[in-house]
């Protein structure tokens, strides 16, 4: 349980950092870059790619299959009268 929370927070932090860099690099549009050049620039820099990595980590921590803490126990009861 604590590992899932840790990975969720790690993924969230990575997403925030990556999106922050994407927002910083949006200033390239004011320098005359086109939208296509902007997206190519975003996809080739690892600072922005960690947002995708963080998103994948968050998804895995939320929807990943964890250990089941419920044990199946069979009891054979003999009812005596």
PDB file of N, CA and C in Angstrom:
ATOM      1  N   UNK A   1       0.824  -1.193   0.000  1.00  0.00           N
ATOM      2  CA  UNK A   1       0.000   0.000   0.000  1.00  0.00           C
ATOM      3  C   UNK A   1       0.866   1.254   0.000  1.00  0.00           C
ATOM      4  N   UNK A   2       1.882   1.264   0.832  1.00  0.00           N
ATOM      5  CA  UNK A   2       2.739   2.443   0.917  1.00  0.00           C
ATOM      6  C   UNK A   2       3.566   2.612  -0.355  1.00  0.00           C
ATOM      7  N   UNK A   3       3.871   1.492  -1.019  1.00  0.00           N
ATOM      8  CA  UNK A   3       4.633   1.600  -2.269  1.00  0.00           C
ATOM      9  C   UNK A   3       3.769   2.197  -3.363  1.00  0.00           C
ATOM     10  N   UNK A   4       2.475   1.878  -3.372  1.00  0.00           N
ATOM     11  CA  UNK A   4       1.586   2.473  -4.375  1.00  0.00           C
ATOM     12  C   UNK A   4       1.462   3.974  -4.169  1.00  0.00           C
ATOM     13  N   UNK A   5       1.389   4.401  -2.910  1.00  0.00           N
ATOM     14  CA  UNK A   5       1.321   5.836  -2.614  1.00  0.00           C
ATOM     15  C   UNK A   5       2.620   6.514  -3.029  1.00  0.00           C
ATOM     16  N   UNK A   6       3.749   5.857  -2.751  1.00  0.00           N
ATOM     17  CA  UNK A   6       5.043   6.415  -3.139  1.00  0.00           C
ATOM     18  C   UNK A   6       5.137   6.585  -4.649  1.00  0.00           C
ATOM     19  N   UNK A   7       4.747   5.545  -5.396  1.00  0.00           N
ATOM     20  CA  UNK A   7       4.829   5.644  -6.851  1.00  0.00           C
ATOM     21  C   UNK A   7       3.823   6.638  -7.413  1.00  0.00           C
ATOM     22  N   UNK A   8       2.666   6.769  -6.786  1.00  0.00           N
ATOM     23  CA  UNK A   8       1.713   7.782  -7.213  1.00  0.00           C
ATOM     24  C   UNK A   8       2.299   9.178  -7.048  1.00  0.00           C
ATOM     25  N   UNK A   9       2.897   9.438  -5.882  1.00  0.00           N
ATOM     26  CA  UNK A   9       3.486  10.758  -5.650  1.00  0.00           C
ATOM     27  C   UNK A   9       4.680  11.007  -6.564  1.00  0.00           C
ATOM     28  N   UNK A  10       5.491   9.990  -6.787  1.00  0.00           N
ATOM     29  CA  UNK A  10       6.623  10.125  -7.700  1.00  0.00           C
ATOM     30  C   UNK A  10       6.149  10.446  -9.112  1.00  0.00           C
ATOM     31  N   UNK A  11       5.146   9.730  -9.587  1.00  0.00           N
ATOM     32  CA  UNK A  11       4.602   9.991 -10.915  1.00  0.00           C
ATOM     33  C   UNK A  11       3.981  11.370 -11.018  1.00  0.00           C
ATOM     34  N   UNK A  12       3.280  11.787  -9.968  1.00  0.00           N
ATOM     35  CA  UNK A  12       2.665  13.113  -9.977  1.00  0.00           C
ATOM     36  C   UNK A  12       3.725  14.211 -10.023  1.00  0.00           C
ATOM     37  N   UNK A  13       4.787  14.055  -9.266  1.00  0.00           N
ATOM     38  CA  UNK A  13       5.867  15.043  -9.263  1.00  0.00           C
ATOM     39  C   UNK A  13       6.536  15.106 -10.628  1.00  0.00           C
ATOM     40  N   UNK A  14       6.768  13.949 -11.247  1.00  0.00           N
ATOM     41  CA  UNK A  14       7.375  13.929 -12.579  1.00  0.00           C
ATOM     42  C   UNK A  14       6.459  14.591 -13.611  1.00  0.00           C
ATOM     43  N   UNK A  15       5.151  14.360 -13.492  1.00  0.00           N
ATOM     44  CA  UNK A  15       4.220  15.011 -14.410  1.00  0.00           C
ATOM     45  C   UNK A  15       4.238  16.519 -14.249  1.00  0.00           C
ATOM     46  N   UNK A  16       4.272  16.987 -13.020  1.00  0.00           N
ATOM     47  CA  UNK A  16       4.288  18.432 -12.775  1.00  0.00           C
ATOM     48  C   UNK A  16       5.549  19.059 -13.338  1.00  0.00           C
ATOM     49  N   UNK A  17       6.685  18.409 -13.152  1.00  0.00           N
ATOM     50  CA  UNK A  17       7.943  18.945 -13.673  1.00  0.00           C
ATOM     51  C   UNK A  17       7.913  18.981 -15.194  1.00  0.00           C
ATOM     52  N   UNK A  18       7.453  17.908 -15.827  1.00  0.00           N
ATOM     53  CA  UNK A  18       7.401  17.862 -17.287  1.00  0.00           C
ATOM     54  C   UNK A  18       6.458  18.898 -17.869  1.00  0.00           C
ATOM     55  N   UNK A  19       5.286  19.049 -17.267  1.00  0.00           N
ATOM     56  CA  UNK A  19       4.328  20.041 -17.759  1.00  0.00           C
ATOM     57  C   UNK A  19       4.843  21.452 -17.525  1.00  0.00           C
ATOM     58  N   UNK A  20       5.566  21.659 -16.437  1.00  0.00           N
ATOM     59  CA  UNK A  20       6.156  22.976 -16.183  1.00  0.00           C
ATOM     60  C   UNK A  20       7.137  23.345 -17.296  1.00  0.00           C
ATOM     61  N   UNK A  21       7.978  22.378 -17.707  1.00  0.00           N
ATOM     62  CA  UNK A  21       8.908  22.648 -18.797  1.00  0.00           C
ATOM     63  C   UNK A  21       8.179  22.888 -20.107  1.00  0.00           C
ATOM     64  N   UNK A  22       7.094  22.167 -20.339  1.00  0.00           N
ATOM     65  CA  UNK A  22       6.316  22.411 -21.554  1.00  0.00           C
ATOM     66  C   UNK A  22       5.748  23.818 -21.574  1.00  0.00           C
ATOM     67  N   UNK A  23       5.315  24.285 -20.414  1.00  0.00           N
ATOM     68  CA  UNK A  23       4.781  25.643 -20.350  1.00  0.00           C
ATOM     69  C   UNK A  23       5.875  26.683 -20.513  1.00  0.00           C
ATOM     70  N   UNK A  24       7.056  26.384 -20.031  1.00  0.00           N
ATOM     71  CA  UNK A  24       8.172  27.313 -20.211  1.00  0.00           C
ATOM     72  C   UNK A  24       8.573  27.385 -21.676  1.00  0.00           C
ATOM     73  N   UNK A  25       8.608  26.199 -22.328  1.00  0.00           N
ATOM     74  CA  UNK A  25       9.018  26.158 -23.725  1.00  0.00           C
ATOM     75  C   UNK A  25       7.963  26.698 -24.673  1.00  0.00           C
ATOM     76  N   UNK A  26       6.753  26.981 -24.188  1.00  0.00           N
ATOM     77  CA  UNK A  26       5.732  27.545 -25.063  1.00  0.00           C
ATOM     78  C   UNK A  26       6.122  28.958 -25.503  1.00  0.00           C
ATOM     79  N   UNK A  27       7.090  29.555 -24.820  1.00  0.00           N
ATOM     80  CA  UNK A  27       7.592  30.861 -25.234  1.00  0.00           C
ATOM     81  C   UNK A  27       8.315  30.799 -26.568  1.00  0.00           C
ATOM     82  N   UNK A  28       8.642  29.601 -27.031  1.00  0.00           N
ATOM     83  CA  UNK A  28       9.261  29.473 -28.350  1.00  0.00           C
ATOM     84  C   UNK A  28       8.335  29.941 -29.456  1.00  0.00           C
ATOM     85  N   UNK A  29       7.037  29.877 -29.214  1.00  0.00           N
ATOM     86  CA  UNK A  29       6.087  30.337 -30.220  1.00  0.00           C
ATOM     87  C   UNK A  29       6.203  31.839 -30.446  1.00  0.00           C
ATOM     88  N   UNK A  30       6.571  32.562 -29.421  1.00  0.00           N
ATOM     89  CA  UNK A  30       6.725  34.018 -29.590  1.00  0.00           C
ATOM     90  C   UNK A  30       8.010  34.374 -30.336  1.00  0.00           C
ATOM     91  N   UNK A  31       8.933  33.419 -30.449  1.00  0.00           N
ATOM     92  CA  UNK A  31      10.164  33.649 -31.196  1.00  0.00           C
ATOM     93  C   UNK A  31      10.029  33.290 -32.667  1.00  0.00           C
ATOM     94  N   UNK A  32       8.848  32.847 -33.074  1.00  0.00           N
ATOM     95  CA  UNK A  32       8.622  32.562 -34.478  1.00  0.00           C
ATOM     96  C   UNK A  32       8.553  31.090 -34.829  1.00  0.00           C
ATOM     97  N   UNK A  33       8.602  30.211 -33.855  1.00  0.00           N
ATOM     98  CA  UNK A  33       8.458  28.784 -34.123  1.00  0.00           C
ATOM     99  C   UNK A  33       7.003  28.479 -34.473  1.00  0.00           C
ATOM    100  N   UNK A  34       6.799  27.482 -35.309  1.00  0.00           N
ATOM    101  CA  UNK A  34       5.437  27.040 -35.610  1.00  0.00           C
ATOM    102  C   UNK A  34       5.028  25.991 -34.574  1.00  0.00           C
ATOM    103  N   UNK A  35       3.735  25.643 -34.616  1.00  0.00           N
ATOM    104  CA  UNK A  35       3.252  24.631 -33.674  1.00  0.00           C
ATOM    105  C   UNK A  35       3.907  23.285 -33.922  1.00  0.00           C
ATOM    106  N   UNK A  36       4.139  22.939 -35.160  1.00  0.00           N
ATOM    107  CA  UNK A  36       4.790  21.670 -35.476  1.00  0.00           C
ATOM    108  C   UNK A  36       6.216  21.646 -34.941  1.00  0.00           C
ATOM    109  N   UNK A  37       6.952  22.732 -35.117  1.00  0.00           N
ATOM    110  CA  UNK A  37       8.320  22.809 -34.579  1.00  0.00           C
ATOM    111  C   UNK A  37       8.312  22.756 -33.049  1.00  0.00           C
ATOM    112  N   UNK A  38       7.286  23.369 -32.453  1.00  0.00           N
ATOM    113  CA  UNK A  38       7.168  23.328 -30.997  1.00  0.00           C
ATOM    114  C   UNK A  38       6.960  21.899 -30.506  1.00  0.00           C
ATOM    115  N   UNK A  39       6.055  21.149 -31.154  1.00  0.00           N
ATOM    116  CA  UNK A  39       5.797  19.774 -30.724  1.00  0.00           C
ATOM    117  C   UNK A  39       6.997  18.868 -30.978  1.00  0.00           C
ATOM    118  N   UNK A  40       7.712  19.093 -32.057  1.00  0.00           N
ATOM    119  CA  UNK A  40       8.936  18.317 -32.301  1.00  0.00           C
ATOM    120  C   UNK A  40       9.969  18.634 -31.232  1.00  0.00           C
ATOM    121  N   UNK A  41      10.077  19.901 -30.860  1.00  0.00           N
ATOM    122  CA  UNK A  41      11.010  20.301 -29.808  1.00  0.00           C
ATOM    123  C   UNK A  41      10.634  19.652 -28.474  1.00  0.00           C
ATOM    124  N   UNK A  42       9.330  19.629 -28.173  1.00  0.00           N
ATOM    125  CA  UNK A  42       8.854  19.022 -26.931  1.00  0.00           C
ATOM    126  C   UNK A  42       9.154  17.524 -26.909  1.00  0.00           C
ATOM    127  N   UNK A  43       8.929  16.857 -28.035  1.00  0.00           N
ATOM    128  CA  UNK A  43       9.099  15.408 -28.084  1.00  0.00           C
ATOM    129  C   UNK A  43      10.560  14.970 -28.126  1.00  0.00           C
ATOM    130  N   UNK A  44      11.483  15.901 -28.338  1.00  0.00           N
ATOM    131  CA  UNK A  44      12.892  15.526 -28.401  1.00  0.00           C
ATOM    132  C   UNK A  44      13.681  15.918 -27.159  1.00  0.00           C
ATOM    133  N   UNK A  45      13.052  16.532 -26.183  1.00  0.00           N
ATOM    134  CA  UNK A  45      13.756  16.917 -24.968  1.00  0.00           C
ATOM    135  C   UNK A  45      13.262  16.090 -23.786  1.00  0.00           C
ATOM    136  N   UNK A  46      14.204  15.517 -23.065  1.00  0.00           N
ATOM    137  CA  UNK A  46      13.848  14.598 -21.982  1.00  0.00           C
ATOM    138  C   UNK A  46      13.154  15.297 -20.823  1.00  0.00           C
ATOM    139  N   UNK A  47      13.341  16.604 -20.679  1.00  0.00           N
ATOM    140  CA  UNK A  47      12.662  17.313 -19.597  1.00  0.00           C
ATOM    141  C   UNK A  47      11.150  17.238 -19.768  1.00  0.00           C
ATOM    142  N   UNK A  48      10.695  17.221 -20.994  1.00  0.00           N
ATOM    143  CA  UNK A  48       9.260  17.165 -21.256  1.00  0.00           C
ATOM    144  C   UNK A  48       8.763  15.731 -21.333  1.00  0.00           C
ATOM    145  N   UNK A  49       9.629  14.817 -21.691  1.00  0.00           N
ATOM    146  CA  UNK A  49       9.224  13.419 -21.794  1.00  0.00           C
ATOM    147  C   UNK A  49       8.989  12.787 -20.424  1.00  0.00           C
ATOM    148  N   UNK A  50       9.532  13.392 -19.373  1.00  0.00           N
ATOM    149  CA  UNK A  50       9.282  12.822 -18.045  1.00  0.00           C
ATOM    150  C   UNK A  50       7.834  13.031 -17.614  1.00  0.00           C
ATOM    151  N   UNK A  51       7.114  13.928 -18.285  1.00  0.00           N
ATOM    152  CA  UNK A  51       5.685  14.065 -18.000  1.00  0.00           C
ATOM    153  C   UNK A  51       4.952  12.806 -18.444  1.00  0.00           C
ATOM    154  N   UNK A  52       5.332  12.260 -19.581  1.00  0.00           N
ATOM    155  CA  UNK A  52       4.714  11.028 -20.062  1.00  0.00           C
ATOM    156  C   UNK A  52       5.084   9.865 -19.145  1.00  0.00           C
ATOM    157  N   UNK A  53       6.335   9.810 -18.726  1.00  0.00           N
ATOM    158  CA  UNK A  53       6.774   8.774 -17.794  1.00  0.00           C
ATOM    159  C   UNK A  53       6.009   8.875 -16.475  1.00  0.00           C
ATOM    160  N   UNK A  54       5.838  10.083 -15.976  1.00  0.00           N
ATOM    161  CA  UNK A  54       5.086  10.292 -14.743  1.00  0.00           C
ATOM    162  C   UNK A  54       3.638   9.873 -14.890  1.00  0.00           C
ATOM    163  N   UNK A  55       3.044  10.150 -16.046  1.00  0.00           N
ATOM    164  CA  UNK A  55       1.659   9.746 -16.301  1.00  0.00           C
ATOM    165  C   UNK A  55       1.526   8.230 -16.303  1.00  0.00           C
ATOM    166  N   UNK A  56       2.489   7.546 -16.892  1.00  0.00           N
ATOM    167  CA  UNK A  56       2.460   6.081 -16.922  1.00  0.00           C
ATOM    168  C   UNK A  56       2.614   5.520 -15.506  1.00  0.00           C
ATOM    169  N   UNK A  57       3.503   6.117 -14.708  1.00  0.00           N
ATOM    170  CA  UNK A  57       3.689   5.653 -13.331  1.00  0.00           C
ATOM    171  C   UNK A  57       2.419   5.855 -12.514  1.00  0.00           C
ATOM    172  N   UNK A  58       1.749   6.986 -12.704  1.00  0.00           N
ATOM    173  CA  UNK A  58       0.497   7.239 -11.980  1.00  0.00           C
ATOM    174  C   UNK A  58      -0.563   6.222 -12.389  1.00  0.00           C
ATOM    175  N   UNK A  59      -0.675   5.950 -13.688  1.00  0.00           N
ATOM    176  CA  UNK A  59      -1.662   4.970 -14.141  1.00  0.00           C
ATOM    177  C   UNK A  59      -1.376   3.584 -13.574  1.00  0.00           C
ATOM    178  N   UNK A  60      -0.101   3.205 -13.565  1.00  0.00           N
ATOM    179  CA  UNK A  60       0.241   1.890 -13.022  1.00  0.00           C
ATOM    180  C   UNK A  60      -0.012   1.803 -11.519  1.00  0.00           C
ATOM    181  N   UNK A  61       0.234   2.901 -10.808  1.00  0.00           N
ATOM    182  CA  UNK A  61      -0.004   2.870  -9.370  1.00  0.00           C
ATOM    183  C   UNK A  61      -1.499   2.850  -9.050  1.00  0.00           C
ATOM    184  N   UNK A  62      -2.313   3.436  -9.912  1.00  0.00           N
ATOM    185  CA  UNK A  62      -3.754   3.438  -9.655  1.00  0.00           C
ATOM    186  C   UNK A  62      -4.427   2.149 -10.099  1.00  0.00           C
ATOM    187  N   UNK A  63      -4.069   1.674 -11.292  1.00  0.00           N
ATOM    188  CA  UNK A  63      -4.784   0.544 -11.862  1.00  0.00           C
ATOM    189  C   UNK A  63      -3.969  -0.735 -11.911  1.00  0.00           C
ATOM    190  N   UNK A  64      -2.758  -0.708 -11.371  1.00  0.00           N
ATOM    191  CA  UNK A  64      -1.937  -1.903 -11.366  1.00  0.00           C
ATOM    192  C   UNK A  64      -2.485  -2.950 -10.416  1.00  0.00           C
ATOM    193  N   UNK A  65      -2.182  -4.175 -10.719  1.00  0.00           N
ATOM    194  CA  UNK A  65      -2.665  -5.259  -9.884  1.00  0.00           C
ATOM    195  C   UNK A  65      -1.716  -5.419  -8.711  1.00  0.00           C
ATOM    196  N   UNK A  66      -2.223  -5.223  -7.540  1.00  0.00           N
ATOM    197  CA  UNK A  66      -1.415  -5.368  -6.346  1.00  0.00           C
ATOM    198  C   UNK A  66      -1.611  -6.731  -5.725  1.00  0.00           C
ATOM    199  N   UNK A  67      -0.953  -6.933  -4.623  1.00  0.00           N
ATOM    200  CA  UNK A  67      -1.117  -8.186  -3.892  1.00  0.00           C
ATOM    201  C   UNK A  67      -2.488  -8.209  -3.234  1.00  0.00           C
ATOM    202  N   UNK A  68      -3.084  -9.334  -3.292  1.00  0.00           N
ATOM    203  CA  UNK A  68      -4.375  -9.492  -2.656  1.00  0.00           C
ATOM    204  C   UNK A  68      -4.148  -9.866  -1.193  1.00  0.00           C
ATOM    205  N   UNK A  69      -4.722  -9.108  -0.309  1.00  0.00           N
ATOM    206  CA  UNK A  69      -4.550  -9.360   1.114  1.00  0.00           C
ATOM    207  C   UNK A  69      -5.648 -10.260   1.661  1.00  0.00           C
ATOM    208  N   UNK A  70      -6.550 -10.659   0.809  1.00  0.00           N
ATOM    209  CA  UNK A  70      -7.638 -11.530   1.238  1.00  0.00           C
ATOM    210  C   UNK A  70      -7.222 -12.961   0.939  1.00  0.00           C
ATOM    211  N   UNK A  71      -7.170 -13.754   1.977  1.00  0.00           N
ATOM    212  CA  UNK A  71      -6.784 -15.148   1.807  1.00  0.00           C
ATOM    213  C   UNK A  71      -8.034 -16.017   1.792  1.00  0.00           C
ATOM    214  N   UNK A  72      -8.013 -16.944   0.914  1.00  0.00           N
ATOM    215  CA  UNK A  72      -9.129 -17.874   0.815  1.00  0.00           C
ATOM    216  C   UNK A  72      -8.867 -19.024   1.780  1.00  0.00           C
ATOM    217  N   UNK A  73      -9.677 -19.107   2.784  1.00  0.00           N
ATOM    218  CA  UNK A  73      -9.502 -20.130   3.808  1.00  0.00           C
ATOM    219  C   UNK A  73     -10.732 -21.027   3.785  1.00  0.00           C
ATOM    220  N   UNK A  74     -10.483 -22.303   3.688  1.00  0.00           N
ATOM    221  CA  UNK A  74     -11.584 -23.252   3.714  1.00  0.00           C
ATOM    222  C   UNK A  74     -11.663 -23.878   5.103  1.00  0.00           C
ATOM    223  N   UNK A  75     -12.855 -23.915   5.608  1.00  0.00           N
ATOM    224  CA  UNK A  75     -13.093 -24.551   6.887  1.00  0.00           C
ATOM    225  C   UNK A  75     -14.003 -25.752   6.653  1.00  0.00           C
ATOM    226  N   UNK A  76     -13.612 -26.856   7.160  1.00  0.00           N
ATOM    227  CA  UNK A  76     -14.449 -28.045   7.094  1.00  0.00           C
ATOM    228  C   UNK A  76     -15.066 -28.255   8.470  1.00  0.00           C
ATOM    229  N   UNK A  77     -16.282 -27.834   8.574  1.00  0.00           N
ATOM    230  CA  UNK A  77     -16.969 -27.969   9.837  1.00  0.00           C
ATOM    231  C   UNK A  77     -17.773 -29.270   9.854  1.00  0.00           C
ATOM    232  N   UNK A  78     -17.730 -29.921  10.968  1.00  0.00           N
ATOM    233  CA  UNK A  78     -18.572 -31.095  11.163  1.00  0.00           C
ATOM    234  C   UNK A  78     -19.614 -30.712  12.215  1.00  0.00           C
ATOM    235  N   UNK A  79     -20.820 -30.774  11.771  1.00  0.00           N
ATOM    236  CA  UNK A  79     -21.899 -30.452  12.691  1.00  0.00           C
ATOM    237  C   UNK A  79     -22.308 -31.708  13.447  1.00  0.00           C
ATOM    238  N   UNK A  80     -22.140 -31.634  14.717  1.00  0.00           N
ATOM    239  CA  UNK A  80     -22.450 -32.778  15.572  1.00  0.00           C
ATOM    240  C   UNK A  80     -23.725 -32.450  16.340  1.00  0.00           C
ATOM    241  N   UNK A  81     -24.659 -33.427  16.333  1.00  0.00           N
ATOM    242  CA  UNK A  81     -25.888 -33.247  17.115  1.00  0.00           C
ATOM    243  C   UNK A  81     -25.825 -34.002  18.366  1.00  0.00           C
TER     244      UNK A  81
END
